[in-house]
Amino acid sequence: VLSQEGKDQGFGSALSGTVDTYWSKNKKHSKDAVIK
């Protein structure tokens, strides 16, 4: 639990928008997904 990265859910992330990248589309195979 302590090693998991926090989500950027602040005001700054709301303004920055999201970009669909290869990494964001394949998050289920990432290290964070395995840890979850």
PDB file of all heavy atoms in Angstrom:
ATOM      1  N   VAL A   1       0.833  -1.200   0.000  1.00  0.00           N
ATOM      2  CA  VAL A   1       0.000   0.000   0.000  1.00  0.00           C
ATOM      3  C   VAL A   1       0.871   1.255   0.000  1.00  0.00           C
ATOM      4  O   VAL A   1       0.588   2.223  -0.715  1.00  0.00           O
ATOM      5  CB  VAL A   1      -0.975  -0.005   1.199  1.00  0.00           C
ATOM      6  CG1 VAL A   1      -1.628   1.341   1.395  1.00  0.00           C
ATOM      7  CG2 VAL A   1      -2.025  -1.081   0.997  1.00  0.00           C
ATOM      8  N   LEU A   2       1.943   1.234   0.762  1.00  0.00           N
ATOM      9  CA  LEU A   2       2.813   2.407   0.808  1.00  0.00           C
ATOM     10  C   LEU A   2       3.619   2.587  -0.472  1.00  0.00           C
ATOM     11  O   LEU A   2       4.045   3.698  -0.785  1.00  0.00           O
ATOM     12  CB  LEU A   2       3.759   2.312   2.008  1.00  0.00           C
ATOM     13  CG  LEU A   2       3.090   2.469   3.367  1.00  0.00           C
ATOM     14  CD1 LEU A   2       4.104   2.242   4.482  1.00  0.00           C
ATOM     15  CD2 LEU A   2       2.443   3.826   3.496  1.00  0.00           C
ATOM     16  N   SER A   3       3.821   1.515  -1.238  1.00  0.00           N
ATOM     17  CA  SER A   3       4.600   1.623  -2.471  1.00  0.00           C
ATOM     18  C   SER A   3       3.762   2.029  -3.673  1.00  0.00           C
ATOM     19  O   SER A   3       4.308   2.342  -4.726  1.00  0.00           O
ATOM     20  CB  SER A   3       5.296   0.295  -2.767  1.00  0.00           C
ATOM     21  OG  SER A   3       4.351  -0.686  -3.122  1.00  0.00           O
ATOM     22  N   GLN A   4       2.447   2.047  -3.524  1.00  0.00           N
ATOM     23  CA  GLN A   4       1.586   2.437  -4.642  1.00  0.00           C
ATOM     24  C   GLN A   4       1.659   3.937  -4.857  1.00  0.00           C
ATOM     25  O   GLN A   4       1.733   4.711  -3.914  1.00  0.00           O
ATOM     26  CB  GLN A   4       0.135   2.022  -4.390  1.00  0.00           C
ATOM     27  CG  GLN A   4      -0.069   0.546  -4.468  1.00  0.00           C
ATOM     28  CD  GLN A   4      -1.506   0.148  -4.220  1.00  0.00           C
ATOM     29  OE1 GLN A   4      -2.382   0.990  -4.107  1.00  0.00           O
ATOM     30  NE2 GLN A   4      -1.739  -1.140  -4.124  1.00  0.00           N
ATOM     31  N   GLU A   5       1.620   4.305  -6.126  1.00  0.00           N
ATOM     32  CA  GLU A   5       1.656   5.720  -6.463  1.00  0.00           C
ATOM     33  C   GLU A   5       0.274   6.314  -6.303  1.00  0.00           C
ATOM     34  O   GLU A   5      -0.728   5.683  -6.612  1.00  0.00           O
ATOM     35  CB  GLU A   5       2.120   5.909  -7.901  1.00  0.00           C
ATOM     36  CG  GLU A   5       3.546   5.478  -8.118  1.00  0.00           C
ATOM     37  CD  GLU A   5       3.998   5.702  -9.545  1.00  0.00           C
ATOM     38  OE1 GLU A   5       3.283   6.384 -10.290  1.00  0.00           O
ATOM     39  OE2 GLU A   5       5.057   5.187  -9.888  1.00  0.00           O
ATOM     40  N   GLY A   6       0.234   7.550  -5.835  1.00  0.00           N
ATOM     41  CA  GLY A   6      -1.036   8.232  -5.680  1.00  0.00           C
ATOM     42  C   GLY A   6      -1.556   8.736  -7.018  1.00  0.00           C
ATOM     43  O   GLY A   6      -0.817   8.925  -7.974  1.00  0.00           O
ATOM     44  N   LYS A   7      -2.827   8.953  -7.082  1.00  0.00           N
ATOM     45  CA  LYS A   7      -3.439   9.490  -8.301  1.00  0.00           C
ATOM     46  C   LYS A   7      -3.367  11.014  -8.263  1.00  0.00           C
ATOM     47  O   LYS A   7      -3.544  11.631  -7.227  1.00  0.00           O
ATOM     48  CB  LYS A   7      -4.897   9.049  -8.387  1.00  0.00           C
ATOM     49  CG  LYS A   7      -5.066   7.559  -8.354  1.00  0.00           C
ATOM     50  CD  LYS A   7      -5.731   7.121  -9.617  1.00  0.00           C
ATOM     51  CE  LYS A   7      -6.065   5.657  -9.500  1.00  0.00           C
ATOM     52  NZ  LYS A   7      -5.413   4.858 -10.452  1.00  0.00           N
ATOM     53  N   ASP A   8      -3.128  11.620  -9.408  1.00  0.00           N
ATOM     54  CA  ASP A   8      -3.124  13.078  -9.503  1.00  0.00           C
ATOM     55  C   ASP A   8      -4.552  13.547  -9.702  1.00  0.00           C
ATOM     56  O   ASP A   8      -5.039  13.643 -10.812  1.00  0.00           O
ATOM     57  CB  ASP A   8      -2.254  13.538 -10.668  1.00  0.00           C
ATOM     58  CG  ASP A   8      -0.797  13.274 -10.435  1.00  0.00           C
ATOM     59  OD1 ASP A   8      -0.379  13.293  -9.275  1.00  0.00           O
ATOM     60  OD2 ASP A   8      -0.087  13.065 -11.418  1.00  0.00           O
ATOM     61  N   GLN A   9      -5.234  13.838  -8.605  1.00  0.00           N
ATOM     62  CA  GLN A   9      -6.620  14.261  -8.691  1.00  0.00           C
ATOM     63  C   GLN A   9      -6.800  15.682  -8.187  1.00  0.00           C
ATOM     64  O   GLN A   9      -7.826  16.034  -7.648  1.00  0.00           O
ATOM     65  CB  GLN A   9      -7.515  13.305  -7.898  1.00  0.00           C
ATOM     66  CG  GLN A   9      -7.552  11.914  -8.467  1.00  0.00           C
ATOM     67  CD  GLN A   9      -8.465  11.002  -7.675  1.00  0.00           C
ATOM     68  OE1 GLN A   9      -8.971  11.379  -6.633  1.00  0.00           O
ATOM     69  NE2 GLN A   9      -8.679   9.814  -8.173  1.00  0.00           N
ATOM     70  N   GLY A  10      -5.782  16.471  -8.366  1.00  0.00           N
ATOM     71  CA  GLY A  10      -5.876  17.843  -7.901  1.00  0.00           C
ATOM     72  C   GLY A  10      -6.380  18.776  -8.978  1.00  0.00           C
ATOM     73  O   GLY A  10      -6.775  18.374 -10.070  1.00  0.00           O
ATOM     74  N   PHE A  11      -6.349  20.063  -8.672  1.00  0.00           N
ATOM     75  CA  PHE A  11      -6.816  21.085  -9.599  1.00  0.00           C
ATOM     76  C   PHE A  11      -5.930  21.140 -10.845  1.00  0.00           C
ATOM     77  O   PHE A  11      -6.400  21.328 -11.952  1.00  0.00           O
ATOM     78  CB  PHE A  11      -6.826  22.439  -8.885  1.00  0.00           C
ATOM     79  CG  PHE A  11      -7.367  23.555  -9.724  1.00  0.00           C
ATOM     80  CD1 PHE A  11      -8.710  23.584 -10.060  1.00  0.00           C
ATOM     81  CD2 PHE A  11      -6.547  24.568 -10.176  1.00  0.00           C
ATOM     82  CE1 PHE A  11      -9.223  24.605 -10.826  1.00  0.00           C
ATOM     83  CE2 PHE A  11      -7.047  25.588 -10.945  1.00  0.00           C
ATOM     84  CZ  PHE A  11      -8.397  25.614 -11.266  1.00  0.00           C
ATOM     85  N   GLY A  12      -4.629  20.925 -10.655  1.00  0.00           N
ATOM     86  CA  GLY A  12      -3.696  20.977 -11.780  1.00  0.00           C
ATOM     87  C   GLY A  12      -3.935  19.882 -12.794  1.00  0.00           C
ATOM     88  O   GLY A  12      -3.819  20.092 -13.996  1.00  0.00           O
ATOM     89  N   SER A  13      -4.276  18.698 -12.338  1.00  0.00           N
ATOM     90  CA  SER A  13      -4.516  17.604 -13.281  1.00  0.00           C
ATOM     91  C   SER A  13      -5.828  17.789 -14.020  1.00  0.00           C
ATOM     92  O   SER A  13      -5.990  17.303 -15.128  1.00  0.00           O
ATOM     93  CB  SER A  13      -4.503  16.260 -12.563  1.00  0.00           C
ATOM     94  OG  SER A  13      -5.581  16.161 -11.669  1.00  0.00           O
ATOM     95  N   ALA A  14      -6.772  18.498 -13.430  1.00  0.00           N
ATOM     96  CA  ALA A  14      -8.043  18.754 -14.111  1.00  0.00           C
ATOM     97  C   ALA A  14      -7.835  19.715 -15.277  1.00  0.00           C
ATOM     98  O   ALA A  14      -8.515  19.619 -16.298  1.00  0.00           O
ATOM     99  CB  ALA A  14      -9.054  19.335 -13.128  1.00  0.00           C
ATOM    100  N   LEU A  15      -6.897  20.623 -15.139  1.00  0.00           N
ATOM    101  CA  LEU A  15      -6.633  21.585 -16.199  1.00  0.00           C
ATOM    102  C   LEU A  15      -5.730  21.030 -17.291  1.00  0.00           C
ATOM    103  O   LEU A  15      -5.765  21.489 -18.421  1.00  0.00           O
ATOM    104  CB  LEU A  15      -5.994  22.846 -15.614  1.00  0.00           C
ATOM    105  CG  LEU A  15      -6.882  23.671 -14.692  1.00  0.00           C
ATOM    106  CD1 LEU A  15      -6.097  24.846 -14.131  1.00  0.00           C
ATOM    107  CD2 LEU A  15      -8.107  24.153 -15.427  1.00  0.00           C
ATOM    108  N   SER A  16      -4.895  20.058 -16.934  1.00  0.00           N
ATOM    109  CA  SER A  16      -3.920  19.573 -17.902  1.00  0.00           C
ATOM    110  C   SER A  16      -4.549  18.669 -18.960  1.00  0.00           C
ATOM    111  O   SER A  16      -4.008  18.533 -20.049  1.00  0.00           O
ATOM    112  CB  SER A  16      -2.795  18.824 -17.181  1.00  0.00           C
ATOM    113  OG  SER A  16      -3.307  17.652 -16.577  1.00  0.00           O
ATOM    114  N   GLY A  17      -5.642  18.023 -18.647  1.00  0.00           N
ATOM    115  CA  GLY A  17      -6.286  17.138 -19.616  1.00  0.00           C
ATOM    116  C   GLY A  17      -5.590  15.786 -19.661  1.00  0.00           C
ATOM    117  O   GLY A  17      -4.582  15.552 -19.013  1.00  0.00           O
ATOM    118  N   THR A  18      -6.131  14.893 -20.449  1.00  0.00           N
ATOM    119  CA  THR A  18      -5.531  13.568 -20.571  1.00  0.00           C
ATOM    120  C   THR A  18      -5.142  13.326 -22.016  1.00  0.00           C
ATOM    121  O   THR A  18      -5.782  13.798 -22.945  1.00  0.00           O
ATOM    122  CB  THR A  18      -6.510  12.468 -20.130  1.00  0.00           C
ATOM    123  OG1 THR A  18      -7.686  12.564 -20.931  1.00  0.00           O
ATOM    124  CG2 THR A  18      -6.864  12.585 -18.666  1.00  0.00           C
ATOM    125  N   VAL A  19      -4.094  12.570 -22.192  1.00  0.00           N
ATOM    126  CA  VAL A  19      -3.607  12.231 -23.514  1.00  0.00           C
ATOM    127  C   VAL A  19      -3.614  10.712 -23.623  1.00  0.00           C
ATOM    128  O   VAL A  19      -3.111  10.022 -22.745  1.00  0.00           O
ATOM    129  CB  VAL A  19      -2.169  12.763 -23.725  1.00  0.00           C
ATOM    130  CG1 VAL A  19      -1.643  12.355 -25.085  1.00  0.00           C
ATOM    131  CG2 VAL A  19      -2.137  14.270 -23.551  1.00  0.00           C
ATOM    132  N   ASP A  20      -4.216  10.185 -24.682  1.00  0.00           N
ATOM    133  CA  ASP A  20      -4.214   8.742 -24.896  1.00  0.00           C
ATOM    134  C   ASP A  20      -2.879   8.324 -25.494  1.00  0.00           C
ATOM    135  O   ASP A  20      -2.568   8.627 -26.643  1.00  0.00           O
ATOM    136  CB  ASP A  20      -5.344   8.323 -25.838  1.00  0.00           C
ATOM    137  CG  ASP A  20      -6.676   8.213 -25.134  1.00  0.00           C
ATOM    138  OD1 ASP A  20      -6.661   8.060 -23.904  1.00  0.00           O
ATOM    139  OD2 ASP A  20      -7.707   8.248 -25.819  1.00  0.00           O
ATOM    140  N   THR A  21      -2.101   7.652 -24.676  1.00  0.00           N
ATOM    141  CA  THR A  21      -0.822   7.143 -25.145  1.00  0.00           C
ATOM    142  C   THR A  21      -0.861   5.626 -25.093  1.00  0.00           C
ATOM    143  O   THR A  21      -1.791   5.020 -24.566  1.00  0.00           O
ATOM    144  CB  THR A  21       0.323   7.649 -24.255  1.00  0.00           C
ATOM    145  OG1 THR A  21       0.120   7.167 -22.922  1.00  0.00           O
ATOM    146  CG2 THR A  21       0.387   9.171 -24.242  1.00  0.00           C
ATOM    147  N   TYR A  22       0.161   5.023 -25.631  1.00  0.00           N
ATOM    148  CA  TYR A  22       0.260   3.569 -25.578  1.00  0.00           C
ATOM    149  C   TYR A  22       0.271   3.098 -24.129  1.00  0.00           C
ATOM    150  O   TYR A  22      -0.354   2.113 -23.779  1.00  0.00           O
ATOM    151  CB  TYR A  22       1.532   3.108 -26.297  1.00  0.00           C
ATOM    152  CG  TYR A  22       1.772   1.624 -26.205  1.00  0.00           C
ATOM    153  CD1 TYR A  22       1.046   0.744 -27.000  1.00  0.00           C
ATOM    154  CD2 TYR A  22       2.691   1.101 -25.308  1.00  0.00           C
ATOM    155  CE1 TYR A  22       1.246  -0.618 -26.910  1.00  0.00           C
ATOM    156  CE2 TYR A  22       2.893  -0.259 -25.212  1.00  0.00           C
ATOM    157  CZ  TYR A  22       2.175  -1.110 -26.017  1.00  0.00           C
ATOM    158  OH  TYR A  22       2.372  -2.459 -25.926  1.00  0.00           O
ATOM    159  N   TRP A  23       0.995   3.821 -23.280  1.00  0.00           N
ATOM    160  CA  TRP A  23       1.102   3.428 -21.871  1.00  0.00           C
ATOM    161  C   TRP A  23      -0.243   3.532 -21.157  1.00  0.00           C
ATOM    162  O   TRP A  23      -0.616   2.669 -20.376  1.00  0.00           O
ATOM    163  CB  TRP A  23       2.131   4.292 -21.171  1.00  0.00           C
ATOM    164  CG  TRP A  23       2.386   3.868 -19.767  1.00  0.00           C
ATOM    165  CD1 TRP A  23       1.997   4.497 -18.631  1.00  0.00           C
ATOM    166  CD2 TRP A  23       3.061   2.692 -19.341  1.00  0.00           C
ATOM    167  NE1 TRP A  23       2.389   3.793 -17.534  1.00  0.00           N
ATOM    168  CE2 TRP A  23       3.043   2.690 -17.940  1.00  0.00           C
ATOM    169  CE3 TRP A  23       3.668   1.641 -20.003  1.00  0.00           C
ATOM    170  CZ2 TRP A  23       3.627   1.670 -17.193  1.00  0.00           C
ATOM    171  CZ3 TRP A  23       4.249   0.636 -19.254  1.00  0.00           C
ATOM    172  CH2 TRP A  23       4.229   0.656 -17.868  1.00  0.00           C
ATOM    173  N   SER A  24      -1.009   4.572 -21.443  1.00  0.00           N
ATOM    174  CA  SER A  24      -2.292   4.738 -20.759  1.00  0.00           C
ATOM    175  C   SER A  24      -3.320   3.718 -21.243  1.00  0.00           C
ATOM    176  O   SER A  24      -4.225   3.354 -20.501  1.00  0.00           O
ATOM    177  CB  SER A  24      -2.829   6.149 -20.957  1.00  0.00           C
ATOM    178  OG  SER A  24      -3.164   6.379 -22.313  1.00  0.00           O
ATOM    179  N   LYS A  25      -3.188   3.245 -22.469  1.00  0.00           N
ATOM    180  CA  LYS A  25      -4.118   2.248 -22.985  1.00  0.00           C
ATOM    181  C   LYS A  25      -3.814   0.848 -22.466  1.00  0.00           C
ATOM    182  O   LYS A  25      -4.674  -0.018 -22.461  1.00  0.00           O
ATOM    183  CB  LYS A  25      -4.092   2.234 -24.513  1.00  0.00           C
ATOM    184  CG  LYS A  25      -4.676   3.471 -25.131  1.00  0.00           C
ATOM    185  CD  LYS A  25      -4.613   3.407 -26.638  1.00  0.00           C
ATOM    186  CE  LYS A  25      -5.169   4.670 -27.253  1.00  0.00           C
ATOM    187  NZ  LYS A  25      -5.077   4.652 -28.710  1.00  0.00           N
ATOM    188  N   ASN A  26      -2.577   0.600 -22.048  1.00  0.00           N
ATOM    189  CA  ASN A  26      -2.161  -0.729 -21.593  1.00  0.00           C
ATOM    190  C   ASN A  26      -1.813  -0.738 -20.115  1.00  0.00           C
ATOM    191  O   ASN A  26      -0.874  -1.404 -19.692  1.00  0.00           O
ATOM    192  CB  ASN A  26      -0.962  -1.207 -22.419  1.00  0.00           C
ATOM    193  CG  ASN A  26      -1.340  -1.454 -23.845  1.00  0.00           C
ATOM    194  OD1 ASN A  26      -2.299  -2.169 -24.106  1.00  0.00           O
ATOM    195  ND2 ASN A  26      -0.612  -0.856 -24.769  1.00  0.00           N
ATOM    196  N   LYS A  27      -2.569  -0.033 -19.318  1.00  0.00           N
ATOM    197  CA  LYS A  27      -2.290   0.043 -17.887  1.00  0.00           C
ATOM    198  C   LYS A  27      -2.543  -1.271 -17.156  1.00  0.00           C
ATOM    199  O   LYS A  27      -2.015  -1.488 -16.097  1.00  0.00           O
ATOM    200  CB  LYS A  27      -3.111   1.155 -17.235  1.00  0.00           C
ATOM    201  CG  LYS A  27      -2.557   2.513 -17.491  1.00  0.00           C
ATOM    202  CD  LYS A  27      -3.253   3.540 -16.640  1.00  0.00           C
ATOM    203  CE  LYS A  27      -2.558   4.864 -16.800  1.00  0.00           C
ATOM    204  NZ  LYS A  27      -3.089   5.864 -15.906  1.00  0.00           N
ATOM    205  N   LYS A  28      -3.373  -2.153 -17.720  1.00  0.00           N
ATOM    206  CA  LYS A  28      -3.666  -3.403 -17.019  1.00  0.00           C
ATOM    207  C   LYS A  28      -2.460  -4.331 -16.983  1.00  0.00           C
ATOM    208  O   LYS A  28      -2.425  -5.260 -16.198  1.00  0.00           O
ATOM    209  CB  LYS A  28      -4.858  -4.105 -17.646  1.00  0.00           C
ATOM    210  CG  LYS A  28      -4.628  -4.629 -19.039  1.00  0.00           C
ATOM    211  CD  LYS A  28      -5.856  -5.329 -19.538  1.00  0.00           C
ATOM    212  CE  LYS A  28      -5.611  -5.859 -20.949  1.00  0.00           C
ATOM    213  NZ  LYS A  28      -6.750  -6.586 -21.440  1.00  0.00           N
ATOM    214  N   HIS A  29      -1.447  -4.062 -17.800  1.00  0.00           N
ATOM    215  CA  HIS A  29      -0.232  -4.878 -17.804  1.00  0.00           C
ATOM    216  C   HIS A  29       0.931  -4.182 -17.102  1.00  0.00           C
ATOM    217  O   HIS A  29       2.041  -4.699 -17.107  1.00  0.00           O
ATOM    218  CB  HIS A  29       0.181  -5.200 -19.244  1.00  0.00           C
ATOM    219  CG  HIS A  29      -0.860  -5.971 -19.988  1.00  0.00           C
ATOM    220  ND1 HIS A  29      -1.209  -7.255 -19.649  1.00  0.00           N
ATOM    221  CD2 HIS A  29      -1.628  -5.633 -21.039  1.00  0.00           C
ATOM    222  CE1 HIS A  29      -2.150  -7.671 -20.468  1.00  0.00           C
ATOM    223  NE2 HIS A  29      -2.437  -6.708 -21.320  1.00  0.00           N
ATOM    224  N   SER A  30       0.679  -3.055 -16.499  1.00  0.00           N
ATOM    225  CA  SER A  30       1.752  -2.288 -15.876  1.00  0.00           C
ATOM    226  C   SER A  30       2.071  -2.822 -14.480  1.00  0.00           C
ATOM    227  O   SER A  30       1.347  -3.633 -13.909  1.00  0.00           O
ATOM    228  CB  SER A  30       1.366  -0.812 -15.800  1.00  0.00           C
ATOM    229  OG  SER A  30       0.337  -0.637 -14.854  1.00  0.00           O
ATOM    230  N   LYS A  31       3.151  -2.312 -13.945  1.00  0.00           N
ATOM    231  CA  LYS A  31       3.582  -2.685 -12.593  1.00  0.00           C
ATOM    232  C   LYS A  31       2.533  -2.269 -11.563  1.00  0.00           C
ATOM    233  O   LYS A  31       2.253  -3.010 -10.623  1.00  0.00           O
ATOM    234  CB  LYS A  31       4.923  -2.012 -12.304  1.00  0.00           C
ATOM    235  CG  LYS A  31       5.458  -2.248 -10.927  1.00  0.00           C
ATOM    236  CD  LYS A  31       6.758  -1.500 -10.753  1.00  0.00           C
ATOM    237  CE  LYS A  31       6.958  -1.114  -9.328  1.00  0.00           C
ATOM    238  NZ  LYS A  31       8.100  -0.259  -9.107  1.00  0.00           N
ATOM    239  N   ASP A  32       1.939  -1.094 -11.758  1.00  0.00           N
ATOM    240  CA  ASP A  32       0.919  -0.612 -10.817  1.00  0.00           C
ATOM    241  C   ASP A  32      -0.311  -1.515 -10.814  1.00  0.00           C
ATOM    242  O   ASP A  32      -0.907  -1.755  -9.765  1.00  0.00           O
ATOM    243  CB  ASP A  32       0.495   0.813 -11.167  1.00  0.00           C
ATOM    244  CG  ASP A  32       1.583   1.826 -10.881  1.00  0.00           C
ATOM    245  OD1 ASP A  32       2.430   1.540 -10.015  1.00  0.00           O
ATOM    246  OD2 ASP A  32       1.582   2.888 -11.518  1.00  0.00           O
ATOM    247  N   ALA A  33      -0.691  -2.019 -11.974  1.00  0.00           N
ATOM    248  CA  ALA A  33      -1.852  -2.915 -12.047  1.00  0.00           C
ATOM    249  C   ALA A  33      -1.577  -4.221 -11.317  1.00  0.00           C
ATOM    250  O   ALA A  33      -2.450  -4.746 -10.622  1.00  0.00           O
ATOM    251  CB  ALA A  33      -2.216  -3.185 -13.496  1.00  0.00           C
ATOM    252  N   VAL A  34      -0.371  -4.736 -11.455  1.00  0.00           N
ATOM    253  CA  VAL A  34      -0.008  -5.979 -10.759  1.00  0.00           C
ATOM    254  C   VAL A  34      -0.005  -5.748  -9.259  1.00  0.00           C
ATOM    255  O   VAL A  34      -0.511  -6.577  -8.488  1.00  0.00           O
ATOM    256  CB  VAL A  34       1.370  -6.484 -11.249  1.00  0.00           C
ATOM    257  CG1 VAL A  34       1.857  -7.653 -10.419  1.00  0.00           C
ATOM    258  CG2 VAL A  34       1.298  -6.869 -12.721  1.00  0.00           C
ATOM    259  N   ILE A  35       0.533  -4.612  -8.825  1.00  0.00           N
ATOM    260  CA  ILE A  35       0.567  -4.300  -7.393  1.00  0.00           C
ATOM    261  C   ILE A  35      -0.854  -4.184  -6.848  1.00  0.00           C
ATOM    262  O   ILE A  35      -1.149  -4.652  -5.745  1.00  0.00           O
ATOM    263  CB  ILE A  35       1.381  -3.021  -7.135  1.00  0.00           C
ATOM    264  CG1 ILE A  35       2.865  -3.294  -7.379  1.00  0.00           C
ATOM    265  CG2 ILE A  35       1.172  -2.506  -5.720  1.00  0.00           C
ATOM    266  CD1 ILE A  35       3.741  -2.072  -7.265  1.00  0.00           C
ATOM    267  N   LYS A  36      -1.761  -3.579  -7.609  1.00  0.00           N
ATOM    268  CA  LYS A  36      -3.154  -3.454  -7.162  1.00  0.00           C
ATOM    269  C   LYS A  36      -3.826  -4.813  -7.035  1.00  0.00           C
ATOM    270  O   LYS A  36      -4.569  -5.068  -6.082  1.00  0.00           O
ATOM    271  CB  LYS A  36      -3.943  -2.570  -8.126  1.00  0.00           C
ATOM    272  CG  LYS A  36      -3.622  -1.112  -8.003  1.00  0.00           C
ATOM    273  CD  LYS A  36      -4.442  -0.290  -8.951  1.00  0.00           C
ATOM    274  CE  LYS A  36      -4.052   1.172  -8.872  1.00  0.00           C
ATOM    275  NZ  LYS A  36      -4.834   2.006  -9.778  1.00  0.00           N
TER     276      LYS A  36
END
